[in-house]
Amino acid sequence: MFKFLKESKKEFEHVVRPTNKETKKYFSIVTGLIVVLTLFLYVVGTIFSSGLFYAKEAINPAKFKTTNTQNSLPTDLKLWSWSTWALDLSGIELDSNVKAITQPVNTVSTWVAK
């Protein structure tokens, strides 16, 4: 065991450390390659993603194009939320003291067309 440690210590004496100039040179090369490869992968990924979206649109075009500029949902679609139950409020009667809300409520929610 002690022999191994002595030999290891001798081997450490043979190790050549890079100079300050060499360290800066290699750092610049590695950093430059990282930047170039990052940009390359971004461009390739963007082109590939755009191609997939184009192919998806060509194979299965959207059935409904919305030209409605208001924040309302189309009425001809059957809509559902994350829950599968529907709330029917048509049978509820209000007391005379309760004022009904007649203005639309603007909420942000995600709806998916079936």
PDB file of N, CA and C in Angstrom:
ATOM      1  N   MET A   1       0.833  -1.194   0.000  1.00  0.00           N
ATOM      2  CA  MET A   1       0.000   0.000   0.000  1.00  0.00           C
ATOM      3  C   MET A   1       0.873   1.250   0.000  1.00  0.00           C
ATOM      4  N   PHE A   2       1.907   1.251   0.872  1.00  0.00           N
ATOM      5  CA  PHE A   2       2.791   2.415   0.932  1.00  0.00           C
ATOM      6  C   PHE A   2       3.599   2.542  -0.349  1.00  0.00           C
ATOM      7  N   LYS A   3       3.919   1.402  -0.958  1.00  0.00           N
ATOM      8  CA  LYS A   3       4.657   1.430  -2.219  1.00  0.00           C
ATOM      9  C   LYS A   3       3.826   2.114  -3.298  1.00  0.00           C
ATOM     10  N   PHE A   4       2.527   1.768  -3.341  1.00  0.00           N
ATOM     11  CA  PHE A   4       1.626   2.379  -4.312  1.00  0.00           C
ATOM     12  C   PHE A   4       1.556   3.892  -4.128  1.00  0.00           C
ATOM     13  N   LEU A   5       1.471   4.349  -2.869  1.00  0.00           N
ATOM     14  CA  LEU A   5       1.399   5.784  -2.607  1.00  0.00           C
ATOM     15  C   LEU A   5       2.689   6.488  -3.010  1.00  0.00           C
ATOM     16  N   LYS A   6       3.836   5.867  -2.798  1.00  0.00           N
ATOM     17  CA  LYS A   6       5.121   6.460  -3.199  1.00  0.00           C
ATOM     18  C   LYS A   6       5.200   6.563  -4.717  1.00  0.00           C
ATOM     19  N   GLU A   7       4.772   5.518  -5.420  1.00  0.00           N
ATOM     20  CA  GLU A   7       4.794   5.545  -6.880  1.00  0.00           C
ATOM     21  C   GLU A   7       3.810   6.590  -7.419  1.00  0.00           C
ATOM     22  N   SER A   8       2.695   6.731  -6.778  1.00  0.00           N
ATOM     23  CA  SER A   8       1.715   7.732  -7.198  1.00  0.00           C
ATOM     24  C   SER A   8       2.278   9.133  -7.023  1.00  0.00           C
ATOM     25  N   LYS A   9       2.983   9.353  -5.934  1.00  0.00           N
ATOM     26  CA  LYS A   9       3.593  10.660  -5.688  1.00  0.00           C
ATOM     27  C   LYS A   9       4.644  10.962  -6.759  1.00  0.00           C
ATOM     28  N   LYS A  10       5.429   9.956  -7.167  1.00  0.00           N
ATOM     29  CA  LYS A  10       6.422  10.156  -8.224  1.00  0.00           C
ATOM     30  C   LYS A  10       5.738  10.479  -9.555  1.00  0.00           C
ATOM     31  N   GLU A  11       4.624   9.811  -9.821  1.00  0.00           N
ATOM     32  CA  GLU A  11       3.900  10.070 -11.073  1.00  0.00           C
ATOM     33  C   GLU A  11       3.355  11.492 -11.114  1.00  0.00           C
ATOM     34  N   PHE A  12       2.932  12.016  -9.964  1.00  0.00           N
ATOM     35  CA  PHE A  12       2.437  13.395  -9.924  1.00  0.00           C
ATOM     36  C   PHE A  12       3.525  14.391 -10.273  1.00  0.00           C
ATOM     37  N   GLU A  13       4.772  14.058 -10.036  1.00  0.00           N
ATOM     38  CA  GLU A  13       5.875  14.950 -10.385  1.00  0.00           C
ATOM     39  C   GLU A  13       6.061  15.026 -11.888  1.00  0.00           C
ATOM     40  N   HIS A  14       5.635  14.013 -12.641  1.00  0.00           N
ATOM     41  CA  HIS A  14       5.778  13.995 -14.099  1.00  0.00           C
ATOM     42  C   HIS A  14       4.626  14.685 -14.822  1.00  0.00           C
ATOM     43  N   VAL A  15       3.605  15.057 -14.105  1.00  0.00           N
ATOM     44  CA  VAL A  15       2.440  15.707 -14.713  1.00  0.00           C
ATOM     45  C   VAL A  15       2.833  17.111 -15.155  1.00  0.00           C
ATOM     46  N   VAL A  16       2.496  17.451 -16.403  1.00  0.00           N
ATOM     47  CA  VAL A  16       2.800  18.774 -16.949  1.00  0.00           C
ATOM     48  C   VAL A  16       1.506  19.587 -16.950  1.00  0.00           C
ATOM     49  N   ARG A  17       1.534  20.680 -16.251  1.00  0.00           N
ATOM     50  CA  ARG A  17       0.373  21.557 -16.190  1.00  0.00           C
ATOM     51  C   ARG A  17       0.409  22.529 -17.372  1.00  0.00           C
ATOM     52  N   PRO A  18      -0.783  22.861 -17.928  1.00  0.00           N
ATOM     53  CA  PRO A  18      -0.792  23.826 -19.041  1.00  0.00           C
ATOM     54  C   PRO A  18      -0.444  25.230 -18.546  1.00  0.00           C
ATOM     55  N   THR A  19       0.147  25.993 -19.442  1.00  0.00           N
ATOM     56  CA  THR A  19       0.490  27.370 -19.085  1.00  0.00           C
ATOM     57  C   THR A  19      -0.772  28.221 -19.111  1.00  0.00           C
ATOM     58  N   ASN A  20      -0.654  29.451 -18.648  1.00  0.00           N
ATOM     59  CA  ASN A  20      -1.783  30.369 -18.625  1.00  0.00           C
ATOM     60  C   ASN A  20      -2.258  30.650 -20.056  1.00  0.00           C
ATOM     61  N   LYS A  21      -1.323  30.802 -20.978  1.00  0.00           N
ATOM     62  CA  LYS A  21      -1.656  31.066 -22.380  1.00  0.00           C
ATOM     63  C   LYS A  21      -2.409  29.873 -22.988  1.00  0.00           C
ATOM     64  N   GLU A  22      -1.931  28.655 -22.705  1.00  0.00           N
ATOM     65  CA  GLU A  22      -2.598  27.459 -23.227  1.00  0.00           C
ATOM     66  C   GLU A  22      -4.004  27.310 -22.641  1.00  0.00           C
ATOM     67  N   THR A  23      -4.167  27.612 -21.358  1.00  0.00           N
ATOM     68  CA  THR A  23      -5.475  27.510 -20.721  1.00  0.00           C
ATOM     69  C   THR A  23      -6.475  28.462 -21.371  1.00  0.00           C
ATOM     70  N   LYS A  24      -6.045  29.699 -21.616  1.00  0.00           N
ATOM     71  CA  LYS A  24      -6.925  30.674 -22.274  1.00  0.00           C
ATOM     72  C   LYS A  24      -7.274  30.227 -23.692  1.00  0.00           C
ATOM     73  N   LYS A  25      -6.291  29.669 -24.401  1.00  0.00           N
ATOM     74  CA  LYS A  25      -6.515  29.202 -25.769  1.00  0.00           C
ATOM     75  C   LYS A  25      -7.553  28.081 -25.793  1.00  0.00           C
ATOM     76  N   TYR A  26      -7.373  27.074 -24.933  1.00  0.00           N
ATOM     77  CA  TYR A  26      -8.304  25.949 -24.899  1.00  0.00           C
ATOM     78  C   TYR A  26      -9.691  26.378 -24.408  1.00  0.00           C
ATOM     79  N   PHE A  27      -9.736  27.312 -23.467  1.00  0.00           N
ATOM     80  CA  PHE A  27     -11.019  27.832 -22.987  1.00  0.00           C
ATOM     81  C   PHE A  27     -11.770  28.518 -24.129  1.00  0.00           C
ATOM     82  N   SER A  28     -11.038  29.315 -24.927  1.00  0.00           N
ATOM     83  CA  SER A  28     -11.671  30.003 -26.058  1.00  0.00           C
ATOM     84  C   SER A  28     -12.192  29.010 -27.090  1.00  0.00           C
ATOM     85  N   ILE A  29     -11.416  27.966 -27.350  1.00  0.00           N
ATOM     86  CA  ILE A  29     -11.845  26.964 -28.331  1.00  0.00           C
ATOM     87  C   ILE A  29     -13.102  26.244 -27.849  1.00  0.00           C
ATOM     88  N   VAL A  30     -13.103  25.805 -26.603  1.00  0.00           N
ATOM     89  CA  VAL A  30     -14.259  25.076 -26.066  1.00  0.00           C
ATOM     90  C   VAL A  30     -15.492  25.970 -26.025  1.00  0.00           C
ATOM     91  N   THR A  31     -15.339  27.207 -25.563  1.00  0.00           N
ATOM     92  CA  THR A  31     -16.469  28.137 -25.502  1.00  0.00           C
ATOM     93  C   THR A  31     -17.010  28.436 -26.896  1.00  0.00           C
ATOM     94  N   GLY A  32     -16.103  28.648 -27.854  1.00  0.00           N
ATOM     95  CA  GLY A  32     -16.532  28.906 -29.233  1.00  0.00           C
ATOM     96  C   GLY A  32     -17.289  27.737 -29.826  1.00  0.00           C
ATOM     97  N   LEU A  33     -16.798  26.526 -29.596  1.00  0.00           N
ATOM     98  CA  LEU A  33     -17.499  25.344 -30.107  1.00  0.00           C
ATOM     99  C   LEU A  33     -18.866  25.176 -29.464  1.00  0.00           C
ATOM    100  N   ILE A  34     -18.967  25.462 -28.189  1.00  0.00           N
ATOM    101  CA  ILE A  34     -20.269  25.367 -27.520  1.00  0.00           C
ATOM    102  C   ILE A  34     -21.257  26.347 -28.134  1.00  0.00           C
ATOM    103  N   VAL A  35     -20.822  27.577 -28.387  1.00  0.00           N
ATOM    104  CA  VAL A  35     -21.705  28.593 -28.986  1.00  0.00           C
ATOM    105  C   VAL A  35     -22.118  28.175 -30.399  1.00  0.00           C
ATOM    106  N   VAL A  36     -21.148  27.745 -31.208  1.00  0.00           N
ATOM    107  CA  VAL A  36     -21.445  27.357 -32.591  1.00  0.00           C
ATOM    108  C   VAL A  36     -22.397  26.153 -32.624  1.00  0.00           C
ATOM    109  N   LEU A  37     -22.135  25.143 -31.815  1.00  0.00           N
ATOM    110  CA  LEU A  37     -23.007  23.971 -31.812  1.00  0.00           C
ATOM    111  C   LEU A  37     -24.397  24.287 -31.263  1.00  0.00           C
ATOM    112  N   THR A  38     -24.474  25.187 -30.286  1.00  0.00           N
ATOM    113  CA  THR A  38     -25.783  25.595 -29.768  1.00  0.00           C
ATOM    114  C   THR A  38     -26.600  26.275 -30.858  1.00  0.00           C
ATOM    115  N   LEU A  39     -25.983  27.199 -31.584  1.00  0.00           N
ATOM    116  CA  LEU A  39     -26.689  27.868 -32.678  1.00  0.00           C
ATOM    117  C   LEU A  39     -27.088  26.874 -33.767  1.00  0.00           C
ATOM    118  N   PHE A  40     -26.194  25.965 -34.090  1.00  0.00           N
ATOM    119  CA  PHE A  40     -26.490  24.951 -35.113  1.00  0.00           C
ATOM    120  C   PHE A  40     -27.679  24.092 -34.697  1.00  0.00           C
ATOM    121  N   LEU A  41     -27.672  23.605 -33.465  1.00  0.00           N
ATOM    122  CA  LEU A  41     -28.785  22.771 -32.996  1.00  0.00           C
ATOM    123  C   LEU A  41     -30.090  23.559 -32.915  1.00  0.00           C
ATOM    124  N   TYR A  42     -30.015  24.849 -32.573  1.00  0.00           N
ATOM    125  CA  TYR A  42     -31.220  25.682 -32.546  1.00  0.00           C
ATOM    126  C   TYR A  42     -31.811  25.794 -33.950  1.00  0.00           C
ATOM    127  N   VAL A  43     -30.968  26.067 -34.947  1.00  0.00           N
ATOM    128  CA  VAL A  43     -31.449  26.214 -36.325  1.00  0.00           C
ATOM    129  C   VAL A  43     -32.019  24.890 -36.827  1.00  0.00           C
ATOM    130  N   VAL A  44     -31.308  23.792 -36.604  1.00  0.00           N
ATOM    131  CA  VAL A  44     -31.794  22.485 -37.063  1.00  0.00           C
ATOM    132  C   VAL A  44     -33.099  22.122 -36.360  1.00  0.00           C
ATOM    133  N   GLY A  45     -33.178  22.367 -35.058  1.00  0.00           N
ATOM    134  CA  GLY A  45     -34.404  22.065 -34.322  1.00  0.00           C
ATOM    135  C   GLY A  45     -35.579  22.900 -34.782  1.00  0.00           C
ATOM    136  N   THR A  46     -35.343  24.167 -35.059  1.00  0.00           N
ATOM    137  CA  THR A  46     -36.407  25.048 -35.541  1.00  0.00           C
ATOM    138  C   THR A  46     -36.900  24.601 -36.912  1.00  0.00           C
ATOM    139  N   ILE A  47     -35.973  24.266 -37.805  1.00  0.00           N
ATOM    140  CA  ILE A  47     -36.363  23.799 -39.141  1.00  0.00           C
ATOM    141  C   ILE A  47     -37.134  22.484 -39.032  1.00  0.00           C
ATOM    142  N   PHE A  48     -36.653  21.565 -38.219  1.00  0.00           N
ATOM    143  CA  PHE A  48     -37.326  20.272 -38.044  1.00  0.00           C
ATOM    144  C   PHE A  48     -38.718  20.461 -37.455  1.00  0.00           C
ATOM    145  N   SER A  49     -38.826  21.311 -36.434  1.00  0.00           N
ATOM    146  CA  SER A  49     -40.124  21.558 -35.801  1.00  0.00           C
ATOM    147  C   SER A  49     -41.100  22.199 -36.790  1.00  0.00           C
ATOM    148  N   SER A  50     -40.621  23.180 -37.541  1.00  0.00           N
ATOM    149  CA  SER A  50     -41.488  23.826 -38.541  1.00  0.00           C
ATOM    150  C   SER A  50     -41.937  22.826 -39.591  1.00  0.00           C
ATOM    151  N   GLY A  51     -41.029  21.938 -39.995  1.00  0.00           N
ATOM    152  CA  GLY A  51     -41.389  20.909 -40.974  1.00  0.00           C
ATOM    153  C   GLY A  51     -42.448  19.966 -40.439  1.00  0.00           C
ATOM    154  N   LEU A  52     -42.339  19.587 -39.169  1.00  0.00           N
ATOM    155  CA  LEU A  52     -43.349  18.712 -38.578  1.00  0.00           C
ATOM    156  C   LEU A  52     -44.705  19.399 -38.489  1.00  0.00           C
ATOM    157  N   PHE A  53     -44.725  20.677 -38.089  1.00  0.00           N
ATOM    158  CA  PHE A  53     -45.994  21.398 -38.024  1.00  0.00           C
ATOM    159  C   PHE A  53     -46.608  21.547 -39.419  1.00  0.00           C
ATOM    160  N   TYR A  54     -45.764  21.800 -40.431  1.00  0.00           N
ATOM    161  CA  TYR A  54     -46.267  21.907 -41.804  1.00  0.00           C
ATOM    162  C   TYR A  54     -46.847  20.567 -42.260  1.00  0.00           C
ATOM    163  N   ALA A  55     -46.136  19.473 -41.961  1.00  0.00           N
ATOM    164  CA  ALA A  55     -46.617  18.149 -42.356  1.00  0.00           C
ATOM    165  C   ALA A  55     -47.913  17.806 -41.626  1.00  0.00           C
ATOM    166  N   LYS A  56     -48.004  18.150 -40.345  1.00  0.00           N
ATOM    167  CA  LYS A  56     -49.234  17.894 -39.588  1.00  0.00           C
ATOM    168  C   LYS A  56     -50.403  18.652 -40.190  1.00  0.00           C
ATOM    169  N   GLU A  57     -50.183  19.899 -40.551  1.00  0.00           N
ATOM    170  CA  GLU A  57     -51.250  20.714 -41.136  1.00  0.00           C
ATOM    171  C   GLU A  57     -51.644  20.177 -42.509  1.00  0.00           C
ATOM    172  N   ALA A  58     -50.676  19.669 -43.271  1.00  0.00           N
ATOM    173  CA  ALA A  58     -50.974  19.130 -44.601  1.00  0.00           C
ATOM    174  C   ALA A  58     -51.720  17.804 -44.502  1.00  0.00           C
ATOM    175  N   ILE A  59     -51.376  16.980 -43.504  1.00  0.00           N
ATOM    176  CA  ILE A  59     -52.007  15.669 -43.361  1.00  0.00           C
ATOM    177  C   ILE A  59     -53.383  15.788 -42.711  1.00  0.00           C
ATOM    178  N   ASN A  60     -53.484  16.594 -41.658  1.00  0.00           N
ATOM    179  CA  ASN A  60     -54.730  16.711 -40.899  1.00  0.00           C
ATOM    180  C   ASN A  60     -55.039  18.187 -40.668  1.00  0.00           C
ATOM    181  N   PRO A  61     -55.589  18.881 -41.668  1.00  0.00           N
ATOM    182  CA  PRO A  61     -55.861  20.308 -41.485  1.00  0.00           C
ATOM    183  C   PRO A  61     -56.962  20.541 -40.454  1.00  0.00           C
ATOM    184  N   ALA A  62     -56.910  21.685 -39.826  1.00  0.00           N
ATOM    185  CA  ALA A  62     -57.918  22.030 -38.814  1.00  0.00           C
ATOM    186  C   ALA A  62     -59.282  22.115 -39.478  1.00  0.00           C
ATOM    187  N   LYS A  63     -60.292  21.594 -38.797  1.00  0.00           N
ATOM    188  CA  LYS A  63     -61.636  21.578 -39.355  1.00  0.00           C
ATOM    189  C   LYS A  63     -62.339  22.916 -39.182  1.00  0.00           C
ATOM    190  N   PHE A  64     -61.979  23.660 -38.148  1.00  0.00           N
ATOM    191  CA  PHE A  64     -62.653  24.920 -37.857  1.00  0.00           C
ATOM    192  C   PHE A  64     -61.618  26.031 -37.818  1.00  0.00           C
ATOM    193  N   LYS A  65     -61.811  27.012 -38.645  1.00  0.00           N
ATOM    194  CA  LYS A  65     -60.980  28.206 -38.624  1.00  0.00           C
ATOM    195  C   LYS A  65     -61.792  29.309 -37.967  1.00  0.00           C
ATOM    196  N   THR A  66     -61.275  29.871 -36.891  1.00  0.00           N
ATOM    197  CA  THR A  66     -62.010  30.892 -36.163  1.00  0.00           C
ATOM    198  C   THR A  66     -61.631  32.264 -36.700  1.00  0.00           C
ATOM    199  N   THR A  67     -62.632  33.004 -37.162  1.00  0.00           N
ATOM    200  CA  THR A  67     -62.421  34.384 -37.592  1.00  0.00           C
ATOM    201  C   THR A  67     -63.062  35.340 -36.614  1.00  0.00           C
ATOM    202  N   ASN A  68     -63.524  34.813 -35.510  1.00  0.00           N
ATOM    203  CA  ASN A  68     -64.189  35.608 -34.494  1.00  0.00           C
ATOM    204  C   ASN A  68     -63.150  36.413 -33.730  1.00  0.00           C
ATOM    205  N   THR A  69     -63.328  37.731 -33.655  1.00  0.00           N
ATOM    206  CA  THR A  69     -62.351  38.566 -32.973  1.00  0.00           C
ATOM    207  C   THR A  69     -62.689  38.768 -31.504  1.00  0.00           C
ATOM    208  N   GLN A  70     -63.877  38.357 -31.094  1.00  0.00           N
ATOM    209  CA  GLN A  70     -64.257  38.491 -29.692  1.00  0.00           C
ATOM    210  C   GLN A  70     -63.687  37.325 -28.902  1.00  0.00           C
ATOM    211  N   ASN A  71     -63.748  37.432 -27.594  1.00  0.00           N
ATOM    212  CA  ASN A  71     -63.260  36.362 -26.725  1.00  0.00           C
ATOM    213  C   ASN A  71     -64.366  35.368 -26.403  1.00  0.00           C
ATOM    214  N   SER A  72     -65.103  34.956 -27.408  1.00  0.00           N
ATOM    215  CA  SER A  72     -66.172  33.989 -27.182  1.00  0.00           C
ATOM    216  C   SER A  72     -65.846  32.700 -27.938  1.00  0.00           C
ATOM    217  N   LEU A  73     -66.427  31.617 -27.474  1.00  0.00           N
ATOM    218  CA  LEU A  73     -66.193  30.325 -28.099  1.00  0.00           C
ATOM    219  C   LEU A  73     -67.226  30.093 -29.185  1.00  0.00           C
ATOM    220  N   PRO A  74     -66.878  29.356 -30.243  1.00  0.00           N
ATOM    221  CA  PRO A  74     -67.870  29.036 -31.265  1.00  0.00           C
ATOM    222  C   PRO A  74     -68.991  28.194 -30.668  1.00  0.00           C
ATOM    223  N   THR A  75     -70.203  28.433 -31.119  1.00  0.00           N
ATOM    224  CA  THR A  75     -71.359  27.751 -30.534  1.00  0.00           C
ATOM    225  C   THR A  75     -71.645  26.420 -31.203  1.00  0.00           C
ATOM    226  N   ASP A  76     -71.056  26.143 -32.369  1.00  0.00           N
ATOM    227  CA  ASP A  76     -71.362  24.911 -33.067  1.00  0.00           C
ATOM    228  C   ASP A  76     -70.478  23.743 -32.635  1.00  0.00           C
ATOM    229  N   LEU A  77     -69.590  23.953 -31.675  1.00  0.00           N
ATOM    230  CA  LEU A  77     -68.727  22.883 -31.190  1.00  0.00           C
ATOM    231  C   LEU A  77     -69.228  22.362 -29.859  1.00  0.00           C
ATOM    232  N   LYS A  78     -69.121  21.070 -29.666  1.00  0.00           N
ATOM    233  CA  LYS A  78     -69.418  20.499 -28.361  1.00  0.00           C
ATOM    234  C   LYS A  78     -68.162  20.645 -27.520  1.00  0.00           C
ATOM    235  N   LEU A  79     -68.261  21.349 -26.428  1.00  0.00           N
ATOM    236  CA  LEU A  79     -67.084  21.678 -25.629  1.00  0.00           C
ATOM    237  C   LEU A  79     -67.061  20.882 -24.339  1.00  0.00           C
ATOM    238  N   TRP A  80     -65.877  20.631 -23.865  1.00  0.00           N
ATOM    239  CA  TRP A  80     -65.699  19.979 -22.578  1.00  0.00           C
ATOM    240  C   TRP A  80     -64.451  20.502 -21.931  1.00  0.00           C
ATOM    241  N   SER A  81     -64.430  20.438 -20.652  1.00  0.00           N
ATOM    242  CA  SER A  81     -63.280  20.882 -19.888  1.00  0.00           C
ATOM    243  C   SER A  81     -62.563  19.650 -19.367  1.00  0.00           C
ATOM    244  N   TRP A  82     -61.660  19.829 -18.399  1.00  0.00           N
ATOM    245  CA  TRP A  82     -60.957  18.696 -17.822  1.00  0.00           C
ATOM    246  C   TRP A  82     -61.936  17.749 -17.132  1.00  0.00           C
ATOM    247  N   SER A  83     -63.025  18.292 -16.632  1.00  0.00           N
ATOM    248  CA  SER A  83     -64.024  17.422 -16.017  1.00  0.00           C
ATOM    249  C   SER A  83     -65.020  17.017 -17.095  1.00  0.00           C
ATOM    250  N   THR A  84     -65.648  15.869 -16.906  1.00  0.00           N
ATOM    251  CA  THR A  84     -66.557  15.369 -17.932  1.00  0.00           C
ATOM    252  C   THR A  84     -68.017  15.616 -17.594  1.00  0.00           C
ATOM    253  N   TRP A  85     -68.299  16.249 -16.494  1.00  0.00           N
ATOM    254  CA  TRP A  85     -69.682  16.520 -16.119  1.00  0.00           C
ATOM    255  C   TRP A  85     -70.065  17.917 -16.572  1.00  0.00           C
ATOM    256  N   ALA A  86     -71.346  18.142 -16.746  1.00  0.00           N
ATOM    257  CA  ALA A  86     -71.861  19.441 -17.162  1.00  0.00           C
ATOM    258  C   ALA A  86     -72.789  19.959 -16.073  1.00  0.00           C
ATOM    259  N   LEU A  87     -72.810  21.238 -15.895  1.00  0.00           N
ATOM    260  CA  LEU A  87     -73.640  21.869 -14.879  1.00  0.00           C
ATOM    261  C   LEU A  87     -74.832  22.516 -15.576  1.00  0.00           C
ATOM    262  N   ASP A  88     -76.034  22.030 -15.271  1.00  0.00           N
ATOM    263  CA  ASP A  88     -77.253  22.545 -15.884  1.00  0.00           C
ATOM    264  C   ASP A  88     -77.941  23.470 -14.886  1.00  0.00           C
ATOM    265  N   LEU A  89     -77.993  24.751 -15.212  1.00  0.00           N
ATOM    266  CA  LEU A  89     -78.594  25.748 -14.320  1.00  0.00           C
ATOM    267  C   LEU A  89     -79.971  26.194 -14.802  1.00  0.00           C
ATOM    268  N   SER A  90     -80.542  25.488 -15.774  1.00  0.00           N
ATOM    269  CA  SER A  90     -81.804  25.953 -16.340  1.00  0.00           C
ATOM    270  C   SER A  90     -82.976  25.809 -15.366  1.00  0.00           C
ATOM    271  N   GLY A  91     -82.920  24.885 -14.414  1.00  0.00           N
ATOM    272  CA  GLY A  91     -84.036  24.674 -13.514  1.00  0.00           C
ATOM    273  C   GLY A  91     -83.959  25.478 -12.229  1.00  0.00           C
ATOM    274  N   ILE A  92     -82.995  26.370 -12.101  1.00  0.00           N
ATOM    275  CA  ILE A  92     -82.830  27.126 -10.862  1.00  0.00           C
ATOM    276  C   ILE A  92     -83.641  28.411 -10.941  1.00  0.00           C
ATOM    277  N   GLU A  93     -84.437  28.670  -9.915  1.00  0.00           N
ATOM    278  CA  GLU A  93     -85.202  29.915  -9.831  1.00  0.00           C
ATOM    279  C   GLU A  93     -84.542  30.817  -8.794  1.00  0.00           C
ATOM    280  N   LEU A  94     -84.553  32.105  -9.070  1.00  0.00           N
ATOM    281  CA  LEU A  94     -83.927  33.069  -8.172  1.00  0.00           C
ATOM    282  C   LEU A  94     -84.979  33.727  -7.289  1.00  0.00           C
ATOM    283  N   ASP A  95     -84.601  34.045  -6.050  1.00  0.00           N
ATOM    284  CA  ASP A  95     -85.482  34.816  -5.176  1.00  0.00           C
ATOM    285  C   ASP A  95     -85.599  36.234  -5.711  1.00  0.00           C
ATOM    286  N   SER A  96     -86.570  36.958  -5.240  1.00  0.00           N
ATOM    287  CA  SER A  96     -86.753  38.336  -5.702  1.00  0.00           C
ATOM    288  C   SER A  96     -85.649  39.253  -5.168  1.00  0.00           C
ATOM    289  N   ASN A  97     -84.975  38.855  -4.088  1.00  0.00           N
ATOM    290  CA  ASN A  97     -83.906  39.681  -3.519  1.00  0.00           C
ATOM    291  C   ASN A  97     -82.568  39.502  -4.237  1.00  0.00           C
ATOM    292  N   VAL A  98     -82.468  38.471  -5.055  1.00  0.00           N
ATOM    293  CA  VAL A  98     -81.197  38.174  -5.731  1.00  0.00           C
ATOM    294  C   VAL A  98     -81.227  38.811  -7.099  1.00  0.00           C
ATOM    295  N   LYS A  99     -80.168  39.555  -7.402  1.00  0.00           N
ATOM    296  CA  LYS A  99     -80.062  40.177  -8.722  1.00  0.00           C
ATOM    297  C   LYS A  99     -79.270  39.249  -9.635  1.00  0.00           C
ATOM    298  N   ALA A 100     -79.797  39.025 -10.814  1.00  0.00           N
ATOM    299  CA  ALA A 100     -79.130  38.156 -11.779  1.00  0.00           C
ATOM    300  C   ALA A 100     -78.000  38.913 -12.459  1.00  0.00           C
ATOM    301  N   ILE A 101     -76.956  38.218 -12.759  1.00  0.00           N
ATOM    302  CA  ILE A 101     -75.832  38.814 -13.489  1.00  0.00           C
ATOM    303  C   ILE A 101     -76.161  38.743 -14.974  1.00  0.00           C
ATOM    304  N   THR A 102     -76.234  39.908 -15.599  1.00  0.00           N
ATOM    305  CA  THR A 102     -76.563  39.929 -17.018  1.00  0.00           C
ATOM    306  C   THR A 102     -75.338  40.205 -17.880  1.00  0.00           C
ATOM    307  N   GLN A 103     -74.263  40.653 -17.276  1.00  0.00           N
ATOM    308  CA  GLN A 103     -73.041  40.925 -18.034  1.00  0.00           C
ATOM    309  C   GLN A 103     -72.231  39.639 -18.142  1.00  0.00           C
ATOM    310  N   PRO A 104     -71.577  39.403 -19.299  1.00  0.00           N
ATOM    311  CA  PRO A 104     -70.746  38.195 -19.421  1.00  0.00           C
ATOM    312  C   PRO A 104     -69.534  38.292 -18.499  1.00  0.00           C
ATOM    313  N   VAL A 105     -69.164  37.168 -17.971  1.00  0.00           N
ATOM    314  CA  VAL A 105     -68.001  37.106 -17.096  1.00  0.00           C
ATOM    315  C   VAL A 105     -66.806  36.705 -17.935  1.00  0.00           C
ATOM    316  N   ASN A 106     -65.762  37.521 -17.908  1.00  0.00           N
ATOM    317  CA  ASN A 106     -64.552  37.219 -18.673  1.00  0.00           C
ATOM    318  C   ASN A 106     -63.602  36.422 -17.794  1.00  0.00           C
ATOM    319  N   THR A 107     -63.435  35.171 -18.118  1.00  0.00           N
ATOM    320  CA  THR A 107     -62.498  34.326 -17.389  1.00  0.00           C
ATOM    321  C   THR A 107     -61.567  33.674 -18.382  1.00  0.00           C
ATOM    322  N   VAL A 108     -60.418  33.305 -17.914  1.00  0.00           N
ATOM    323  CA  VAL A 108     -59.457  32.614 -18.753  1.00  0.00           C
ATOM    324  C   VAL A 108     -59.534  31.136 -18.412  1.00  0.00           C
ATOM    325  N   SER A 109     -59.908  30.341 -19.390  1.00  0.00           N
ATOM    326  CA  SER A 109     -59.977  28.901 -19.170  1.00  0.00           C
ATOM    327  C   SER A 109     -59.587  28.206 -20.447  1.00  0.00           C
ATOM    328  N   THR A 110     -59.207  26.952 -20.324  1.00  0.00           N
ATOM    329  CA  THR A 110     -58.795  26.170 -21.468  1.00  0.00           C
ATOM    330  C   THR A 110     -59.922  25.221 -21.845  1.00  0.00           C
ATOM    331  N   TRP A 111     -60.365  25.311 -23.074  1.00  0.00           N
ATOM    332  CA  TRP A 111     -61.420  24.436 -23.574  1.00  0.00           C
ATOM    333  C   TRP A 111     -60.877  23.705 -24.778  1.00  0.00           C
ATOM    334  N   VAL A 112     -61.311  22.482 -24.939  1.00  0.00           N
ATOM    335  CA  VAL A 112     -60.865  21.666 -26.056  1.00  0.00           C
ATOM    336  C   VAL A 112     -62.094  21.227 -26.831  1.00  0.00           C
ATOM    337  N   ALA A 113     -62.031  21.364 -28.147  1.00  0.00           N
ATOM    338  CA  ALA A 113     -63.153  20.954 -28.990  1.00  0.00           C
ATOM    339  C   ALA A 113     -63.105  19.461 -29.205  1.00  0.00           C
ATOM    340  N   LYS A 114     -64.262  18.811 -29.080  1.00  0.00           N
ATOM    341  CA  LYS A 114     -64.355  17.375 -29.363  1.00  0.00           C
ATOM    342  C   LYS A 114     -64.573  17.168 -30.836  1.00  0.00           C
TER     343      LYS A 114
END
